[in-house]
Amino acid sequence: MADRVAAVILLRHDGAALLQHRDDKPGLRNAGMWVPPGGHAELDESMVDCARRELREETEYDASDLRFLLSFEDAVEGWPAYWLEFFWCWYDGVQSLVCHEGQALIFIERSIAASYPIPGYLVNAWDAALAAAGVTKRTLHA
């Protein structure tokens, strides 16, 4: 499997995650869905370098403290399987965010994530990022 994709779950301190609304056009996996920033790794690029580069290209956010979260083989109907690797980090609240890819770029609260069209894996990855960050549901509602 040659296709490798890295994605970043950028968490705000209230548990919201930065998601981009993908363009809704043919030729895109998960077209029209809300997904974390990310993209394809170059041939000799490490996955963490890919995640950092894609986040910067798509949002102008420079994440120096990315942490590995999880990885798995994903399959989208009509597409070949690919390797998806997630990283996470805290949003610093200082750097501005600019949408350079897709239709929109916003922080979405975890409690309303299901009301957005998102890939099936995203809620589990988001919850894993919150757990890795030490955030609990009680912490989010305090």
C-alpha atoms as a PDB file:
ATOM      1  CA  MET A   1       0.000   0.000   0.000  1.00  0.00           C
ATOM      2  CA  ALA A   2       1.773   3.107  -1.250  1.00  0.00           C
ATOM      3  CA  ASP A   3      -0.713   5.766  -0.189  1.00  0.00           C
ATOM      4  CA  ARG A   4       0.150   7.238   3.233  1.00  0.00           C
ATOM      5  CA  VAL A   5      -1.868  10.050   4.789  1.00  0.00           C
ATOM      6  CA  ALA A   6      -1.167  11.997   7.980  1.00  0.00           C
ATOM      7  CA  ALA A   7      -3.790  14.032   9.844  1.00  0.00           C
ATOM      8  CA  VAL A   8      -3.657  16.369  12.839  1.00  0.00           C
ATOM      9  CA  ILE A   9      -6.232  16.739  15.562  1.00  0.00           C
ATOM     10  CA  LEU A  10      -5.584  20.255  16.832  1.00  0.00           C
ATOM     11  CA  LEU A  11      -7.377  20.530  20.175  1.00  0.00           C
ATOM     12  CA  ARG A  12      -8.651  23.652  21.802  1.00  0.00           C
ATOM     13  CA  HIS A  13      -8.683  23.572  25.627  1.00  0.00           C
ATOM     14  CA  ASP A  14     -12.468  23.066  25.687  1.00  0.00           C
ATOM     15  CA  GLY A  15     -12.067  19.801  23.739  1.00  0.00           C
ATOM     16  CA  ALA A  16     -13.090  21.248  20.378  1.00  0.00           C
ATOM     17  CA  ALA A  17     -11.047  20.138  17.368  1.00  0.00           C
ATOM     18  CA  LEU A  18     -10.087  22.056  14.256  1.00  0.00           C
ATOM     19  CA  LEU A  19     -11.843  20.564  11.232  1.00  0.00           C
ATOM     20  CA  GLN A  20     -11.934  21.538   7.593  1.00  0.00           C
ATOM     21  CA  HIS A  21     -14.948  21.174   5.340  1.00  0.00           C
ATOM     22  CA  ARG A  22     -13.660  19.295   2.292  1.00  0.00           C
ATOM     23  CA  ASP A  23     -14.621  20.490  -1.151  1.00  0.00           C
ATOM     24  CA  ASP A  24     -17.550  18.551  -2.557  1.00  0.00           C
ATOM     25  CA  LYS A  25     -16.178  17.546  -5.933  1.00  0.00           C
ATOM     26  CA  PRO A  26     -15.294  14.334  -7.750  1.00  0.00           C
ATOM     27  CA  GLY A  27     -11.791  13.002  -7.226  1.00  0.00           C
ATOM     28  CA  LEU A  28     -11.602  13.608  -3.464  1.00  0.00           C
ATOM     29  CA  ARG A  29     -11.824  11.024  -0.714  1.00  0.00           C
ATOM     30  CA  ASN A  30     -14.433  12.072   1.845  1.00  0.00           C
ATOM     31  CA  ALA A  31     -15.670  14.874  -0.429  1.00  0.00           C
ATOM     32  CA  GLY A  32     -18.007  17.284   1.360  1.00  0.00           C
ATOM     33  CA  MET A  33     -17.166  15.904   4.813  1.00  0.00           C
ATOM     34  CA  TRP A  34     -15.553  17.555   7.835  1.00  0.00           C
ATOM     35  CA  VAL A  35     -12.079  16.159   8.526  1.00  0.00           C
ATOM     36  CA  PRO A  36      -8.928  17.208  10.376  1.00  0.00           C
ATOM     37  CA  PRO A  37      -6.208  18.922   8.343  1.00  0.00           C
ATOM     38  CA  GLY A  38      -3.852  16.482   6.696  1.00  0.00           C
ATOM     39  CA  GLY A  39      -2.703  14.953   3.465  1.00  0.00           C
ATOM     40  CA  HIS A  40      -0.455  12.632   1.546  1.00  0.00           C
ATOM     41  CA  ALA A  41       3.121  11.930   2.565  1.00  0.00           C
ATOM     42  CA  GLU A  42       5.865  12.469   0.044  1.00  0.00           C
ATOM     43  CA  LEU A  43       8.043   9.484  -0.893  1.00  0.00           C
ATOM     44  CA  ASP A  44      10.802   9.810   1.728  1.00  0.00           C
ATOM     45  CA  GLU A  45       8.930  12.016   4.189  1.00  0.00           C
ATOM     46  CA  SER A  46       8.314  10.862   7.761  1.00  0.00           C
ATOM     47  CA  MET A  47       4.700  10.836   8.837  1.00  0.00           C
ATOM     48  CA  VAL A  48       5.226  13.434  11.564  1.00  0.00           C
ATOM     49  CA  ASP A  49       6.953  15.740   9.054  1.00  0.00           C
ATOM     50  CA  CYS A  50       4.058  15.168   6.649  1.00  0.00           C
ATOM     51  CA  ALA A  51       1.513  16.010   9.366  1.00  0.00           C
ATOM     52  CA  ARG A  52       3.379  19.198  10.313  1.00  0.00           C
ATOM     53  CA  ARG A  53       3.770  20.259   6.653  1.00  0.00           C
ATOM     54  CA  GLU A  54       0.137  19.576   5.728  1.00  0.00           C
ATOM     55  CA  LEU A  55      -1.155  21.436   8.797  1.00  0.00           C
ATOM     56  CA  ARG A  56       1.020  24.439   7.941  1.00  0.00           C
ATOM     57  CA  GLU A  57       0.062  24.383   4.214  1.00  0.00           C
ATOM     58  CA  GLU A  58      -3.665  24.084   4.892  1.00  0.00           C
ATOM     59  CA  THR A  59      -4.005  26.375   7.934  1.00  0.00           C
ATOM     60  CA  GLU A  60      -0.731  28.357   8.401  1.00  0.00           C
ATOM     61  CA  TYR A  61      -0.517  26.843  11.886  1.00  0.00           C
ATOM     62  CA  ASP A  62       2.999  25.777  12.906  1.00  0.00           C
ATOM     63  CA  ALA A  63       2.821  22.843  15.339  1.00  0.00           C
ATOM     64  CA  SER A  64       6.182  22.101  16.880  1.00  0.00           C
ATOM     65  CA  ASP A  65       4.803  19.688  19.474  1.00  0.00           C
ATOM     66  CA  LEU A  66       2.916  17.052  17.460  1.00  0.00           C
ATOM     67  CA  ARG A  67       2.392  13.771  19.289  1.00  0.00           C
ATOM     68  CA  PHE A  68       1.656  10.430  17.643  1.00  0.00           C
ATOM     69  CA  LEU A  69      -1.875   9.240  18.357  1.00  0.00           C
ATOM     70  CA  LEU A  70      -2.825   6.187  16.284  1.00  0.00           C
ATOM     71  CA  SER A  71      -2.663   4.669  12.824  1.00  0.00           C
ATOM     72  CA  PHE A  72      -4.685   2.212  10.784  1.00  0.00           C
ATOM     73  CA  GLU A  73      -5.561   1.135   7.279  1.00  0.00           C
ATOM     74  CA  ASP A  74      -8.642   2.933   6.036  1.00  0.00           C
ATOM     75  CA  ALA A  75     -10.822   2.194   3.045  1.00  0.00           C
ATOM     76  CA  VAL A  76     -13.289   4.587   1.461  1.00  0.00           C
ATOM     77  CA  GLU A  77     -15.770   3.035  -0.941  1.00  0.00           C
ATOM     78  CA  GLY A  78     -14.529   3.396  -4.502  1.00  0.00           C
ATOM     79  CA  TRP A  79     -10.944   4.125  -3.434  1.00  0.00           C
ATOM     80  CA  PRO A  80      -7.907   1.918  -2.774  1.00  0.00           C
ATOM     81  CA  ALA A  81      -7.032   1.321   0.872  1.00  0.00           C
ATOM     82  CA  TYR A  82      -4.533   3.735   2.402  1.00  0.00           C
ATOM     83  CA  TRP A  83      -2.547   4.103   5.631  1.00  0.00           C
ATOM     84  CA  LEU A  84      -3.874   6.869   7.900  1.00  0.00           C
ATOM     85  CA  GLU A  85      -1.748   8.146  10.768  1.00  0.00           C
ATOM     86  CA  PHE A  86      -3.035  10.635  13.348  1.00  0.00           C
ATOM     87  CA  PHE A  87      -1.114  13.132  15.442  1.00  0.00           C
ATOM     88  CA  TRP A  88      -2.474  15.593  17.976  1.00  0.00           C
ATOM     89  CA  CYS A  89      -1.441  18.780  19.749  1.00  0.00           C
ATOM     90  CA  TRP A  90      -2.934  21.671  21.695  1.00  0.00           C
ATOM     91  CA  TYR A  91      -3.880  24.882  19.905  1.00  0.00           C
ATOM     92  CA  ASP A  92      -1.743  27.643  21.385  1.00  0.00           C
ATOM     93  CA  GLY A  93      -4.500  30.265  21.137  1.00  0.00           C
ATOM     94  CA  VAL A  94      -2.009  32.696  19.646  1.00  0.00           C
ATOM     95  CA  GLN A  95      -1.368  31.729  16.046  1.00  0.00           C
ATOM     96  CA  SER A  96      -4.052  32.656  13.559  1.00  0.00           C
ATOM     97  CA  LEU A  97      -5.653  30.007  11.373  1.00  0.00           C
ATOM     98  CA  VAL A  98      -6.262  30.506   7.664  1.00  0.00           C
ATOM     99  CA  CYS A  99      -8.279  28.172   5.433  1.00  0.00           C
ATOM    100  CA  HIS A 100      -6.129  27.344   2.393  1.00  0.00           C
ATOM    101  CA  GLU A 101      -7.937  24.139   1.475  1.00  0.00           C
ATOM    102  CA  GLY A 102     -11.589  23.169   1.451  1.00  0.00           C
ATOM    103  CA  GLN A 103     -14.675  25.285   2.067  1.00  0.00           C
ATOM    104  CA  ALA A 104     -14.179  26.230   5.717  1.00  0.00           C
ATOM    105  CA  LEU A 105     -11.955  25.734   8.738  1.00  0.00           C
ATOM    106  CA  ILE A 106     -13.462  25.906  12.234  1.00  0.00           C
ATOM    107  CA  PHE A 107     -13.189  24.492  15.729  1.00  0.00           C
ATOM    108  CA  ILE A 108     -16.088  22.124  16.338  1.00  0.00           C
ATOM    109  CA  GLU A 109     -17.125  21.122  19.834  1.00  0.00           C
ATOM    110  CA  ARG A 110     -16.997  17.397  20.521  1.00  0.00           C
ATOM    111  CA  SER A 111     -20.568  17.367  21.856  1.00  0.00           C
ATOM    112  CA  ILE A 112     -21.990  18.377  18.454  1.00  0.00           C
ATOM    113  CA  ALA A 113     -19.601  16.457  16.185  1.00  0.00           C
ATOM    114  CA  ALA A 114     -22.280  13.909  15.242  1.00  0.00           C
ATOM    115  CA  SER A 115     -24.387  16.669  13.666  1.00  0.00           C
ATOM    116  CA  TYR A 116     -21.681  17.189  11.009  1.00  0.00           C
ATOM    117  CA  PRO A 117     -20.955  14.825   8.114  1.00  0.00           C
ATOM    118  CA  ILE A 118     -17.712  13.219   9.317  1.00  0.00           C
ATOM    119  CA  PRO A 119     -15.939   9.944   8.475  1.00  0.00           C
ATOM    120  CA  GLY A 120     -16.746   7.032  10.789  1.00  0.00           C
ATOM    121  CA  TYR A 121     -13.249   6.870  12.267  1.00  0.00           C
ATOM    122  CA  LEU A 122     -13.118  10.516  13.340  1.00  0.00           C
ATOM    123  CA  VAL A 123     -15.061  10.331  16.606  1.00  0.00           C
ATOM    124  CA  ASN A 124     -12.849   7.496  17.875  1.00  0.00           C
ATOM    125  CA  ALA A 125      -9.663   9.339  16.873  1.00  0.00           C
ATOM    126  CA  TRP A 126     -10.946  12.556  18.484  1.00  0.00           C
ATOM    127  CA  ASP A 127     -11.804  10.734  21.698  1.00  0.00           C
ATOM    128  CA  ALA A 128      -8.360   9.095  21.665  1.00  0.00           C
ATOM    129  CA  ALA A 129      -6.759  12.545  21.318  1.00  0.00           C
ATOM    130  CA  LEU A 130      -8.794  13.866  24.233  1.00  0.00           C
ATOM    131  CA  ALA A 131      -7.798  10.854  26.334  1.00  0.00           C
ATOM    132  CA  ALA A 132      -4.121  11.291  25.385  1.00  0.00           C
ATOM    133  CA  ALA A 133      -4.420  14.942  26.426  1.00  0.00           C
ATOM    134  CA  GLY A 134      -5.899  13.927  29.782  1.00  0.00           C
ATOM    135  CA  VAL A 135      -9.296  15.453  29.034  1.00  0.00           C
ATOM    136  CA  THR A 136     -12.367  13.705  30.407  1.00  0.00           C
ATOM    137  CA  LYS A 137     -16.057  14.381  29.802  1.00  0.00           C
ATOM    138  CA  ARG A 138     -16.263  15.740  33.334  1.00  0.00           C
ATOM    139  CA  THR A 139     -13.383  18.132  32.577  1.00  0.00           C
ATOM    140  CA  LEU A 140     -15.180  19.359  29.439  1.00  0.00           C
ATOM    141  CA  HIS A 141     -18.361  20.152  31.355  1.00  0.00           C
ATOM    142  CA  ALA A 142     -16.701  21.780  34.357  1.00  0.00           C
END
